[in-house]
Amino acid sequence: LYDPDLSDPVKESYKLHNSKVESSF
């Protein structure tokens, strides 16, 4: 996932409080 210029790929895989993953809350 790591992209040196952009943190979005790693950031969007966040498992806590992720609005794109309903079960994360």
PDB file of all heavy atoms in Angstrom:
ATOM      1  N   LEU A   1       0.815  -1.218   0.000  1.00  0.00           N
ATOM      2  CA  LEU A   1       0.000   0.000   0.000  1.00  0.00           C
ATOM      3  C   LEU A   1       0.848   1.268   0.000  1.00  0.00           C
ATOM      4  O   LEU A   1       0.392   2.314  -0.471  1.00  0.00           O
ATOM      5  CB  LEU A   1      -0.917   0.012   1.228  1.00  0.00           C
ATOM      6  CG  LEU A   1      -2.065  -0.983   1.254  1.00  0.00           C
ATOM      7  CD1 LEU A   1      -2.755  -0.962   2.622  1.00  0.00           C
ATOM      8  CD2 LEU A   1      -3.079  -0.692   0.152  1.00  0.00           C
ATOM      9  N   TYR A   2       2.051   1.192   0.504  1.00  0.00           N
ATOM     10  CA  TYR A   2       2.866   2.396   0.711  1.00  0.00           C
ATOM     11  C   TYR A   2       3.169   3.113  -0.598  1.00  0.00           C
ATOM     12  O   TYR A   2       3.694   2.544  -1.542  1.00  0.00           O
ATOM     13  CB  TYR A   2       4.167   2.026   1.408  1.00  0.00           C
ATOM     14  CG  TYR A   2       5.107   3.202   1.587  1.00  0.00           C
ATOM     15  CD1 TYR A   2       4.765   4.270   2.410  1.00  0.00           C
ATOM     16  CD2 TYR A   2       6.332   3.241   0.923  1.00  0.00           C
ATOM     17  CE1 TYR A   2       5.626   5.354   2.570  1.00  0.00           C
ATOM     18  CE2 TYR A   2       7.195   4.313   1.078  1.00  0.00           C
ATOM     19  CZ  TYR A   2       6.846   5.361   1.898  1.00  0.00           C
ATOM     20  OH  TYR A   2       7.696   6.432   2.048  1.00  0.00           O
ATOM     21  N   ASP A   3       2.815   4.398  -0.652  1.00  0.00           N
ATOM     22  CA  ASP A   3       3.152   5.294  -1.757  1.00  0.00           C
ATOM     23  C   ASP A   3       3.904   6.467  -1.137  1.00  0.00           C
ATOM     24  O   ASP A   3       3.346   7.187  -0.304  1.00  0.00           O
ATOM     25  CB  ASP A   3       1.875   5.776  -2.454  1.00  0.00           C
ATOM     26  CG  ASP A   3       2.149   6.667  -3.653  1.00  0.00           C
ATOM     27  OD1 ASP A   3       3.145   7.411  -3.632  1.00  0.00           O
ATOM     28  OD2 ASP A   3       1.365   6.628  -4.618  1.00  0.00           O
ATOM     29  N   PRO A   4       5.160   6.706  -1.511  1.00  0.00           N
ATOM     30  CA  PRO A   4       5.946   7.758  -0.852  1.00  0.00           C
ATOM     31  C   PRO A   4       5.311   9.141  -0.919  1.00  0.00           C
ATOM     32  O   PRO A   4       5.480   9.943   0.004  1.00  0.00           O
ATOM     33  CB  PRO A   4       7.279   7.732  -1.613  1.00  0.00           C
ATOM     34  CG  PRO A   4       7.360   6.364  -2.195  1.00  0.00           C
ATOM     35  CD  PRO A   4       5.947   5.968  -2.510  1.00  0.00           C
ATOM     36  N   ASP A   5       4.587   9.446  -2.009  1.00  0.00           N
ATOM     37  CA  ASP A   5       4.016  10.781  -2.194  1.00  0.00           C
ATOM     38  C   ASP A   5       2.628  10.947  -1.605  1.00  0.00           C
ATOM     39  O   ASP A   5       2.164  12.076  -1.449  1.00  0.00           O
ATOM     40  CB  ASP A   5       3.925  11.116  -3.693  1.00  0.00           C
ATOM     41  CG  ASP A   5       5.274  11.462  -4.279  1.00  0.00           C
ATOM     42  OD1 ASP A   5       5.967  12.323  -3.711  1.00  0.00           O
ATOM     43  OD2 ASP A   5       5.647  10.863  -5.303  1.00  0.00           O
ATOM     44  N   LEU A   6       1.958   9.856  -1.299  1.00  0.00           N
ATOM     45  CA  LEU A   6       0.540   9.930  -0.937  1.00  0.00           C
ATOM     46  C   LEU A   6       0.232   8.947   0.175  1.00  0.00           C
ATOM     47  O   LEU A   6       0.470   7.737   0.035  1.00  0.00           O
ATOM     48  CB  LEU A   6      -0.319   9.616  -2.174  1.00  0.00           C
ATOM     49  CG  LEU A   6      -1.828   9.671  -2.004  1.00  0.00           C
ATOM     50  CD1 LEU A   6      -2.297  11.100  -1.744  1.00  0.00           C
ATOM     51  CD2 LEU A   6      -2.521   9.114  -3.255  1.00  0.00           C
ATOM     52  N   SER A   7      -0.335   9.453   1.270  1.00  0.00           N
ATOM     53  CA  SER A   7      -0.648   8.565   2.398  1.00  0.00           C
ATOM     54  C   SER A   7      -2.024   7.929   2.285  1.00  0.00           C
ATOM     55  O   SER A   7      -2.364   7.058   3.089  1.00  0.00           O
ATOM     56  CB  SER A   7      -0.560   9.348   3.716  1.00  0.00           C
ATOM     57  OG  SER A   7      -1.615  10.291   3.819  1.00  0.00           O
ATOM     58  N   ASP A   8      -2.838   8.334   1.310  1.00  0.00           N
ATOM     59  CA  ASP A   8      -4.212   7.836   1.227  1.00  0.00           C
ATOM     60  C   ASP A   8      -4.314   6.314   1.177  1.00  0.00           C
ATOM     61  O   ASP A   8      -5.195   5.733   1.834  1.00  0.00           O
ATOM     62  CB  ASP A   8      -4.924   8.441   0.019  1.00  0.00           C
ATOM     63  CG  ASP A   8      -5.368   9.876   0.269  1.00  0.00           C
ATOM     64  OD1 ASP A   8      -5.146  10.386   1.393  1.00  0.00           O
ATOM     65  OD2 ASP A   8      -5.932  10.499  -0.648  1.00  0.00           O
ATOM     66  N   PRO A   9      -3.485   5.601   0.381  1.00  0.00           N
ATOM     67  CA  PRO A   9      -3.643   4.138   0.356  1.00  0.00           C
ATOM     68  C   PRO A   9      -3.503   3.498   1.734  1.00  0.00           C
ATOM     69  O   PRO A   9      -4.280   2.603   2.084  1.00  0.00           O
ATOM     70  CB  PRO A   9      -2.520   3.694  -0.599  1.00  0.00           C
ATOM     71  CG  PRO A   9      -2.309   4.864  -1.497  1.00  0.00           C
ATOM     72  CD  PRO A   9      -2.487   6.062  -0.608  1.00  0.00           C
ATOM     73  N   VAL A  10      -2.521   3.935   2.520  1.00  0.00           N
ATOM     74  CA  VAL A  10      -2.371   3.399   3.870  1.00  0.00           C
ATOM     75  C   VAL A  10      -3.469   3.933   4.774  1.00  0.00           C
ATOM     76  O   VAL A  10      -4.096   3.187   5.539  1.00  0.00           O
ATOM     77  CB  VAL A  10      -0.980   3.755   4.437  1.00  0.00           C
ATOM     78  CG1 VAL A  10      -0.872   3.310   5.907  1.00  0.00           C
ATOM     79  CG2 VAL A  10       0.117   3.097   3.619  1.00  0.00           C
ATOM     80  N   LYS A  11      -3.720   5.221   4.672  1.00  0.00           N
ATOM     81  CA  LYS A  11      -4.703   5.866   5.552  1.00  0.00           C
ATOM     82  C   LYS A  11      -6.100   5.274   5.387  1.00  0.00           C
ATOM     83  O   LYS A  11      -6.828   5.094   6.369  1.00  0.00           O
ATOM     84  CB  LYS A  11      -4.720   7.359   5.245  1.00  0.00           C
ATOM     85  CG  LYS A  11      -5.551   8.192   6.176  1.00  0.00           C
ATOM     86  CD  LYS A  11      -5.449   9.660   5.792  1.00  0.00           C
ATOM     87  CE  LYS A  11      -6.065   9.891   4.408  1.00  0.00           C
ATOM     88  NZ  LYS A  11      -6.027  11.315   4.004  1.00  0.00           N
ATOM     89  N   GLU A  12      -6.488   4.966   4.150  1.00  0.00           N
ATOM     90  CA  GLU A  12      -7.828   4.439   3.913  1.00  0.00           C
ATOM     91  C   GLU A  12      -7.984   2.994   4.365  1.00  0.00           C
ATOM     92  O   GLU A  12      -9.098   2.465   4.375  1.00  0.00           O
ATOM     93  CB  GLU A  12      -8.185   4.567   2.428  1.00  0.00           C
ATOM     94  CG  GLU A  12      -8.298   5.999   1.930  1.00  0.00           C
ATOM     95  CD  GLU A  12      -9.277   6.835   2.740  1.00  0.00           C
ATOM     96  OE1 GLU A  12     -10.294   6.291   3.197  1.00  0.00           O
ATOM     97  OE2 GLU A  12      -9.010   8.038   2.939  1.00  0.00           O
ATOM     98  N   SER A  13      -6.872   2.354   4.744  1.00  0.00           N
ATOM     99  CA  SER A  13      -6.966   0.990   5.276  1.00  0.00           C
ATOM    100  C   SER A  13      -7.131   0.985   6.797  1.00  0.00           C
ATOM    101  O   SER A  13      -7.163  -0.085   7.415  1.00  0.00           O
ATOM    102  CB  SER A  13      -5.710   0.194   4.893  1.00  0.00           C
ATOM    103  OG  SER A  13      -4.571   0.666   5.613  1.00  0.00           O
ATOM    104  N   TYR A  14      -7.255   2.168   7.393  1.00  0.00           N
ATOM    105  CA  TYR A  14      -7.394   2.320   8.836  1.00  0.00           C
ATOM    106  C   TYR A  14      -8.607   1.537   9.334  1.00  0.00           C
ATOM    107  O   TYR A  14      -9.702   1.648   8.788  1.00  0.00           O
ATOM    108  CB  TYR A  14      -7.552   3.810   9.142  1.00  0.00           C
ATOM    109  CG  TYR A  14      -7.571   4.194  10.598  1.00  0.00           C
ATOM    110  CD1 TYR A  14      -6.603   3.752  11.482  1.00  0.00           C
ATOM    111  CD2 TYR A  14      -8.553   5.064  11.076  1.00  0.00           C
ATOM    112  CE1 TYR A  14      -6.611   4.157  12.809  1.00  0.00           C
ATOM    113  CE2 TYR A  14      -8.568   5.476  12.395  1.00  0.00           C
ATOM    114  CZ  TYR A  14      -7.602   5.017  13.263  1.00  0.00           C
ATOM    115  OH  TYR A  14      -7.607   5.423  14.578  1.00  0.00           O
ATOM    116  N   LYS A  15      -8.424   0.767  10.381  1.00  0.00           N
ATOM    117  CA  LYS A  15      -9.475  -0.123  10.864  1.00  0.00           C
ATOM    118  C   LYS A  15     -10.386   0.501  11.920  1.00  0.00           C
ATOM    119  O   LYS A  15     -11.397  -0.097  12.289  1.00  0.00           O
ATOM    120  CB  LYS A  15      -8.846  -1.396  11.438  1.00  0.00           C
ATOM    121  CG  LYS A  15      -8.096  -2.244  10.415  1.00  0.00           C
ATOM    122  CD  LYS A  15      -7.513  -3.490  11.062  1.00  0.00           C
ATOM    123  CE  LYS A  15      -6.777  -4.345  10.056  1.00  0.00           C
ATOM    124  NZ  LYS A  15      -6.225  -5.582  10.675  1.00  0.00           N
ATOM    125  N   LEU A  16     -10.015   1.695  12.422  1.00  0.00           N
ATOM    126  CA  LEU A  16     -10.796   2.331  13.471  1.00  0.00           C
ATOM    127  C   LEU A  16     -11.461   3.589  12.926  1.00  0.00           C
ATOM    128  O   LEU A  16     -10.823   4.384  12.249  1.00  0.00           O
ATOM    129  CB  LEU A  16      -9.896   2.722  14.650  1.00  0.00           C
ATOM    130  CG  LEU A  16      -8.972   1.651  15.218  1.00  0.00           C
ATOM    131  CD1 LEU A  16      -8.072   2.264  16.287  1.00  0.00           C
ATOM    132  CD2 LEU A  16      -9.770   0.494  15.801  1.00  0.00           C
ATOM    133  N   HIS A  17     -12.725   3.784  13.222  1.00  0.00           N
ATOM    134  CA  HIS A  17     -13.425   5.030  12.867  1.00  0.00           C
ATOM    135  C   HIS A  17     -13.207   5.423  11.408  1.00  0.00           C
ATOM    136  O   HIS A  17     -12.882   6.566  11.096  1.00  0.00           O
ATOM    137  CB  HIS A  17     -12.981   6.176  13.779  1.00  0.00           C
ATOM    138  CG  HIS A  17     -13.198   5.905  15.232  1.00  0.00           C
ATOM    139  ND1 HIS A  17     -12.196   6.009  16.164  1.00  0.00           N
ATOM    140  CD2 HIS A  17     -14.308   5.540  15.915  1.00  0.00           C
ATOM    141  CE1 HIS A  17     -12.671   5.714  17.362  1.00  0.00           C
ATOM    142  NE2 HIS A  17     -13.956   5.431  17.235  1.00  0.00           N
ATOM    143  N   ASN A  18     -13.363   4.454  10.525  1.00  0.00           N
ATOM    144  CA  ASN A  18     -13.201   4.709   9.095  1.00  0.00           C
ATOM    145  C   ASN A  18     -14.582   4.823   8.468  1.00  0.00           C
ATOM    146  O   ASN A  18     -15.339   3.851   8.421  1.00  0.00           O
ATOM    147  CB  ASN A  18     -12.408   3.574   8.445  1.00  0.00           C
ATOM    148  CG  ASN A  18     -11.998   3.891   7.026  1.00  0.00           C
ATOM    149  OD1 ASN A  18     -12.633   4.680   6.334  1.00  0.00           O
ATOM    150  ND2 ASN A  18     -10.925   3.264   6.573  1.00  0.00           N
ATOM    151  N   SER A  19     -14.920   6.008   7.973  1.00  0.00           N
ATOM    152  CA  SER A  19     -16.268   6.238   7.448  1.00  0.00           C
ATOM    153  C   SER A  19     -16.583   5.366   6.242  1.00  0.00           C
ATOM    154  O   SER A  19     -17.751   5.180   5.894  1.00  0.00           O
ATOM    155  CB  SER A  19     -16.439   7.722   7.076  1.00  0.00           C
ATOM    156  OG  SER A  19     -15.479   8.113   6.109  1.00  0.00           O
ATOM    157  N   LYS A  20     -15.547   4.823   5.593  1.00  0.00           N
ATOM    158  CA  LYS A  20     -15.762   3.966   4.423  1.00  0.00           C
ATOM    159  C   LYS A  20     -15.972   2.502   4.808  1.00  0.00           C
ATOM    160  O   LYS A  20     -16.279   1.677   3.946  1.00  0.00           O
ATOM    161  CB  LYS A  20     -14.575   4.083   3.461  1.00  0.00           C
ATOM    162  CG  LYS A  20     -14.441   5.479   2.860  1.00  0.00           C
ATOM    163  CD  LYS A  20     -13.349   5.528   1.824  1.00  0.00           C
ATOM    164  CE  LYS A  20     -13.290   6.910   1.188  1.00  0.00           C
ATOM    165  NZ  LYS A  20     -12.254   7.007   0.133  1.00  0.00           N
ATOM    166  N   VAL A  21     -15.775   2.199   6.097  1.00  0.00           N
ATOM    167  CA  VAL A  21     -15.983   0.828   6.593  1.00  0.00           C
ATOM    168  C   VAL A  21     -16.915   0.916   7.787  1.00  0.00           C
ATOM    169  O   VAL A  21     -16.501   1.277   8.896  1.00  0.00           O
ATOM    170  CB  VAL A  21     -14.646   0.160   6.985  1.00  0.00           C
ATOM    171  CG1 VAL A  21     -14.895  -1.273   7.447  1.00  0.00           C
ATOM    172  CG2 VAL A  21     -13.665   0.211   5.834  1.00  0.00           C
ATOM    173  N   GLU A  22     -18.178   0.602   7.575  1.00  0.00           N
ATOM    174  CA  GLU A  22     -19.188   0.804   8.619  1.00  0.00           C
ATOM    175  C   GLU A  22     -18.873   0.030   9.887  1.00  0.00           C
ATOM    176  O   GLU A  22     -19.070   0.521  11.000  1.00  0.00           O
ATOM    177  CB  GLU A  22     -20.561   0.399   8.080  1.00  0.00           C
ATOM    178  CG  GLU A  22     -21.700   0.723   9.025  1.00  0.00           C
ATOM    179  CD  GLU A  22     -23.065   0.431   8.411  1.00  0.00           C
ATOM    180  OE1 GLU A  22     -23.128   0.219   7.188  1.00  0.00           O
ATOM    181  OE2 GLU A  22     -24.048   0.432   9.160  1.00  0.00           O
ATOM    182  N   SER A  23     -18.356  -1.174   9.750  1.00  0.00           N
ATOM    183  CA  SER A  23     -18.076  -2.005  10.922  1.00  0.00           C
ATOM    184  C   SER A  23     -16.897  -1.485  11.737  1.00  0.00           C
ATOM    185  O   SER A  23     -16.659  -1.957  12.853  1.00  0.00           O
ATOM    186  CB  SER A  23     -17.795  -3.442  10.487  1.00  0.00           C
ATOM    187  OG  SER A  23     -16.662  -3.494   9.629  1.00  0.00           O
ATOM    188  N   SER A  24     -16.135  -0.519  11.190  1.00  0.00           N
ATOM    189  CA  SER A  24     -14.946  -0.035  11.897  1.00  0.00           C
ATOM    190  C   SER A  24     -15.304   0.675  13.197  1.00  0.00           C
ATOM    191  O   SER A  24     -14.506   0.672  14.144  1.00  0.00           O
ATOM    192  CB  SER A  24     -14.138   0.898  10.989  1.00  0.00           C
ATOM    193  OG  SER A  24     -14.852   2.093  10.735  1.00  0.00           O
ATOM    194  N   PHE A  25     -16.476   1.294  13.276  1.00  0.00           N
ATOM    195  CA  PHE A  25     -16.858   2.012  14.487  1.00  0.00           C
ATOM    196  C   PHE A  25     -17.162   1.031  15.620  1.00  0.00           C
ATOM    197  O   PHE A  25     -16.785   1.254  16.766  1.00  0.00           O
ATOM    198  CB  PHE A  25     -18.052   2.917  14.202  1.00  0.00           C
ATOM    199  CG  PHE A  25     -17.707   4.065  13.289  1.00  0.00           C
ATOM    200  CD1 PHE A  25     -17.800   3.928  11.913  1.00  0.00           C
ATOM    201  CD2 PHE A  25     -17.267   5.268  13.810  1.00  0.00           C
ATOM    202  CE1 PHE A  25     -17.465   4.976  11.074  1.00  0.00           C
ATOM    203  CE2 PHE A  25     -16.938   6.327  12.983  1.00  0.00           C
ATOM    204  CZ  PHE A  25     -17.031   6.176  11.603  1.00  0.00           C
TER     205      PHE A  25
END
